[in-house]
Amino acid sequence: MTQYTVRTKKEVKNLNEGHLWSEELPDSMFVKKFNFTGHEFGPVRGSPKHYELFWDPKTLKSAIELLTLLDKHKMTSKLEVIHDE
């Protein structure tokens, strides 16, 4: 089975700023086929702090579609692919 994870992150001053940023993103990034799975904030101590969003699309086609959408909104993103044997 192959797993896909798409990640994007933004440098923020605090957790609230990260939440506000994610709420401003278009709903089209959070549709079921992209399988939004959560966010991370950190580091708790030190800086710079980042707010990261991640999705686990079920197919490569959906992952590429999400990457294209993120790029359209001038967001840097990455795709991680894990092959389980």
N, C-alpha and C. Protein backbone atom coordinates (compact mmCIF):
# COMPACT_ATOMS: atom_id res chain seq x y z
N MET A 1 0.85 -1.19 0.00
CA MET A 1 0.00 0.00 0.00
C MET A 1 0.89 1.25 0.00
N THR A 2 0.47 2.25 -0.71
CA THR A 2 1.21 3.51 -0.78
C THR A 2 0.43 4.59 -0.04
N GLN A 3 1.15 5.34 0.78
CA GLN A 3 0.54 6.45 1.53
C GLN A 3 1.13 7.76 1.03
N TYR A 4 0.27 8.76 0.91
CA TYR A 4 0.68 10.09 0.46
C TYR A 4 0.38 11.10 1.55
N THR A 5 1.33 11.99 1.82
CA THR A 5 1.11 13.08 2.76
C THR A 5 1.57 14.37 2.09
N VAL A 6 0.71 15.37 2.11
CA VAL A 6 1.03 16.69 1.59
C VAL A 6 1.12 17.64 2.79
N ARG A 7 2.19 18.43 2.83
CA ARG A 7 2.40 19.35 3.94
C ARG A 7 2.69 20.75 3.43
N THR A 8 2.22 21.74 4.17
CA THR A 8 2.57 23.13 3.92
C THR A 8 2.70 23.81 5.27
N LYS A 9 3.58 24.79 5.37
CA LYS A 9 3.74 25.47 6.66
C LYS A 9 4.03 26.94 6.47
N LYS A 10 3.78 27.66 7.54
CA LYS A 10 3.98 29.11 7.54
C LYS A 10 4.63 29.49 8.86
N GLU A 11 5.56 30.44 8.78
CA GLU A 11 6.17 30.96 10.00
C GLU A 11 5.18 31.89 10.67
N VAL A 12 4.95 31.68 11.96
CA VAL A 12 3.98 32.49 12.72
C VAL A 12 4.58 32.90 14.06
N LYS A 13 3.95 33.88 14.70
CA LYS A 13 4.43 34.35 16.00
C LYS A 13 3.85 33.52 17.15
N ASN A 14 2.61 33.01 16.94
CA ASN A 14 1.97 32.24 18.00
C ASN A 14 0.91 31.31 17.40
N LEU A 15 0.37 30.45 18.23
CA LEU A 15 -0.62 29.47 17.79
C LEU A 15 -1.86 30.13 17.20
N ASN A 16 -2.32 31.21 17.81
CA ASN A 16 -3.51 31.90 17.32
C ASN A 16 -3.32 32.41 15.89
N GLU A 17 -2.13 32.94 15.60
CA GLU A 17 -1.84 33.41 14.25
C GLU A 17 -1.92 32.25 13.25
N GLY A 18 -1.46 31.08 13.67
CA GLY A 18 -1.55 29.89 12.82
C GLY A 18 -2.98 29.50 12.55
N HIS A 19 -3.81 29.52 13.59
CA HIS A 19 -5.24 29.20 13.42
C HIS A 19 -5.91 30.19 12.46
N LEU A 20 -5.61 31.47 12.63
CA LEU A 20 -6.20 32.48 11.75
C LEU A 20 -5.78 32.27 10.30
N TRP A 21 -4.52 31.93 10.09
CA TRP A 21 -4.02 31.67 8.74
C TRP A 21 -4.78 30.50 8.11
N SER A 22 -4.94 29.42 8.85
CA SER A 22 -5.61 28.24 8.28
C SER A 22 -7.09 28.52 8.00
N GLU A 23 -7.72 29.37 8.80
CA GLU A 23 -9.12 29.70 8.58
C GLU A 23 -9.31 30.59 7.34
N GLU A 24 -8.28 31.30 6.92
CA GLU A 24 -8.36 32.16 5.74
C GLU A 24 -8.20 31.38 4.44
N LEU A 25 -7.74 30.15 4.53
CA LEU A 25 -7.52 29.35 3.32
C LEU A 25 -8.86 28.93 2.71
N PRO A 26 -8.91 28.75 1.40
CA PRO A 26 -10.18 28.40 0.75
C PRO A 26 -10.68 27.01 1.16
N ASP A 27 -11.99 26.88 1.23
CA ASP A 27 -12.62 25.61 1.58
C ASP A 27 -12.23 24.49 0.63
N SER A 28 -11.87 24.85 -0.60
CA SER A 28 -11.51 23.84 -1.60
C SER A 28 -10.28 23.02 -1.18
N MET A 29 -9.49 23.52 -0.23
CA MET A 29 -8.33 22.78 0.25
C MET A 29 -8.71 21.73 1.29
N PHE A 30 -9.94 21.78 1.75
CA PHE A 30 -10.35 20.91 2.85
C PHE A 30 -11.47 19.95 2.46
N VAL A 31 -11.60 19.67 1.17
CA VAL A 31 -12.63 18.73 0.73
C VAL A 31 -12.21 17.30 1.07
N LYS A 32 -13.18 16.41 1.09
CA LYS A 32 -12.97 15.03 1.54
C LYS A 32 -11.86 14.31 0.79
N LYS A 33 -11.77 14.50 -0.53
CA LYS A 33 -10.78 13.74 -1.31
C LYS A 33 -9.34 14.08 -0.92
N PHE A 34 -9.11 15.25 -0.32
CA PHE A 34 -7.75 15.61 0.11
C PHE A 34 -7.45 15.09 1.51
N ASN A 35 -8.48 14.73 2.27
CA ASN A 35 -8.33 14.10 3.58
C ASN A 35 -7.43 14.91 4.52
N PHE A 36 -7.86 16.14 4.84
CA PHE A 36 -7.13 16.98 5.79
C PHE A 36 -7.06 16.23 7.12
N THR A 37 -5.85 16.10 7.66
CA THR A 37 -5.70 15.31 8.88
C THR A 37 -5.21 16.09 10.08
N GLY A 38 -4.82 17.35 9.91
CA GLY A 38 -4.47 18.11 11.09
C GLY A 38 -3.41 19.17 10.89
N HIS A 39 -2.88 19.60 12.03
CA HIS A 39 -1.87 20.66 12.04
C HIS A 39 -0.90 20.42 13.18
N GLU A 40 0.26 21.07 13.08
CA GLU A 40 1.26 21.05 14.14
C GLU A 40 1.76 22.48 14.34
N PHE A 41 2.12 22.78 15.57
CA PHE A 41 2.68 24.09 15.90
C PHE A 41 3.95 23.87 16.69
N GLY A 42 4.98 24.61 16.37
CA GLY A 42 6.19 24.45 17.16
C GLY A 42 7.37 25.19 16.56
N PRO A 43 8.47 25.18 17.22
CA PRO A 43 8.67 24.58 18.54
C PRO A 43 8.01 25.42 19.63
N VAL A 44 7.65 24.78 20.72
CA VAL A 44 6.97 25.49 21.81
C VAL A 44 7.92 26.52 22.42
N ARG A 45 9.17 26.12 22.61
CA ARG A 45 10.19 27.06 23.11
C ARG A 45 11.13 27.38 21.97
N GLY A 46 11.50 28.61 21.88
CA GLY A 46 12.41 29.01 20.82
C GLY A 46 11.66 29.56 19.62
N SER A 47 12.42 29.92 18.62
CA SER A 47 11.81 30.44 17.42
C SER A 47 12.76 30.19 16.27
N PRO A 48 12.37 30.27 15.04
CA PRO A 48 11.03 30.68 14.62
C PRO A 48 10.01 29.57 14.84
N LYS A 49 8.78 29.97 14.98
CA LYS A 49 7.68 29.02 15.16
C LYS A 49 7.00 28.81 13.82
N HIS A 50 6.52 27.60 13.60
CA HIS A 50 5.83 27.27 12.36
C HIS A 50 4.48 26.63 12.66
N TYR A 51 3.53 26.92 11.80
CA TYR A 51 2.23 26.27 11.84
C TYR A 51 2.15 25.45 10.57
N GLU A 52 2.02 24.15 10.71
CA GLU A 52 2.05 23.25 9.56
C GLU A 52 0.71 22.53 9.42
N LEU A 53 0.23 22.48 8.19
CA LEU A 53 -1.00 21.76 7.87
C LEU A 53 -0.63 20.52 7.08
N PHE A 54 -1.38 19.42 7.29
CA PHE A 54 -1.09 18.22 6.52
C PHE A 54 -2.37 17.48 6.15
N TRP A 55 -2.27 16.86 4.99
CA TRP A 55 -3.36 16.09 4.39
C TRP A 55 -2.81 14.72 4.02
N ASP A 56 -3.69 13.72 4.00
CA ASP A 56 -3.32 12.36 3.58
C ASP A 56 -4.26 11.91 2.46
N PRO A 57 -4.06 12.43 1.24
CA PRO A 57 -4.92 12.01 0.13
C PRO A 57 -4.76 10.51 -0.13
N LYS A 58 -5.82 9.88 -0.58
CA LYS A 58 -5.80 8.43 -0.82
C LYS A 58 -5.11 8.07 -2.13
N THR A 59 -5.08 8.99 -3.09
CA THR A 59 -4.50 8.68 -4.41
C THR A 59 -3.45 9.71 -4.79
N LEU A 60 -2.56 9.30 -5.68
CA LEU A 60 -1.55 10.22 -6.19
C LEU A 60 -2.22 11.35 -6.97
N LYS A 61 -3.27 11.04 -7.69
CA LYS A 61 -4.00 12.05 -8.46
C LYS A 61 -4.52 13.16 -7.54
N SER A 62 -5.12 12.79 -6.41
CA SER A 62 -5.61 13.79 -5.45
C SER A 62 -4.46 14.57 -4.82
N ALA A 63 -3.35 13.90 -4.55
CA ALA A 63 -2.19 14.57 -3.97
C ALA A 63 -1.65 15.63 -4.93
N ILE A 64 -1.56 15.29 -6.21
CA ILE A 64 -1.06 16.24 -7.21
C ILE A 64 -2.04 17.39 -7.39
N GLU A 65 -3.33 17.09 -7.34
CA GLU A 65 -4.35 18.14 -7.44
C GLU A 65 -4.22 19.12 -6.28
N LEU A 66 -3.99 18.60 -5.08
CA LEU A 66 -3.82 19.47 -3.90
C LEU A 66 -2.54 20.28 -4.02
N LEU A 67 -1.45 19.67 -4.45
CA LEU A 67 -0.20 20.41 -4.64
C LEU A 67 -0.39 21.56 -5.63
N THR A 68 -1.13 21.30 -6.69
CA THR A 68 -1.40 22.33 -7.70
C THR A 68 -2.22 23.47 -7.10
N LEU A 69 -3.21 23.12 -6.28
CA LEU A 69 -4.05 24.12 -5.63
C LEU A 69 -3.22 24.97 -4.66
N LEU A 70 -2.36 24.33 -3.89
CA LEU A 70 -1.49 25.07 -2.96
C LEU A 70 -0.54 25.99 -3.73
N ASP A 71 0.00 25.51 -4.83
CA ASP A 71 0.89 26.32 -5.65
C ASP A 71 0.15 27.52 -6.24
N LYS A 72 -1.09 27.30 -6.65
CA LYS A 72 -1.92 28.38 -7.20
C LYS A 72 -2.08 29.52 -6.18
N HIS A 73 -2.09 29.15 -4.89
CA HIS A 73 -2.22 30.14 -3.82
C HIS A 73 -0.85 30.56 -3.27
N LYS A 74 0.20 30.28 -4.06
CA LYS A 74 1.57 30.70 -3.75
C LYS A 74 2.07 30.17 -2.41
N MET A 75 1.69 28.92 -2.13
CA MET A 75 2.12 28.27 -0.90
C MET A 75 3.15 27.20 -1.23
N THR A 76 4.21 27.15 -0.46
CA THR A 76 5.22 26.11 -0.62
C THR A 76 4.69 24.84 0.05
N SER A 77 4.85 23.72 -0.63
CA SER A 77 4.36 22.46 -0.07
C SER A 77 5.29 21.33 -0.46
N LYS A 78 5.09 20.19 0.18
CA LYS A 78 5.88 19.02 -0.17
C LYS A 78 5.00 17.78 -0.11
N LEU A 79 5.39 16.80 -0.89
CA LEU A 79 4.69 15.53 -0.93
C LEU A 79 5.61 14.44 -0.41
N GLU A 80 5.11 13.68 0.57
CA GLU A 80 5.85 12.54 1.09
C GLU A 80 5.13 11.28 0.62
N VAL A 81 5.89 10.33 0.11
CA VAL A 81 5.32 9.07 -0.36
C VAL A 81 5.96 7.93 0.41
N ILE A 82 5.14 7.06 1.00
CA ILE A 82 5.62 5.91 1.75
C ILE A 82 5.06 4.66 1.09
N HIS A 83 5.96 3.77 0.68
CA HIS A 83 5.55 2.50 0.09
C HIS A 83 5.68 1.42 1.13
N ASP A 84 4.56 0.81 1.50
CA ASP A 84 4.59 -0.33 2.41
C ASP A 84 4.58 -1.60 1.56
N GLU A 85 5.43 -2.53 1.92
CA GLU A 85 5.49 -3.77 1.15
C GLU A 85 4.74 -4.87 1.82
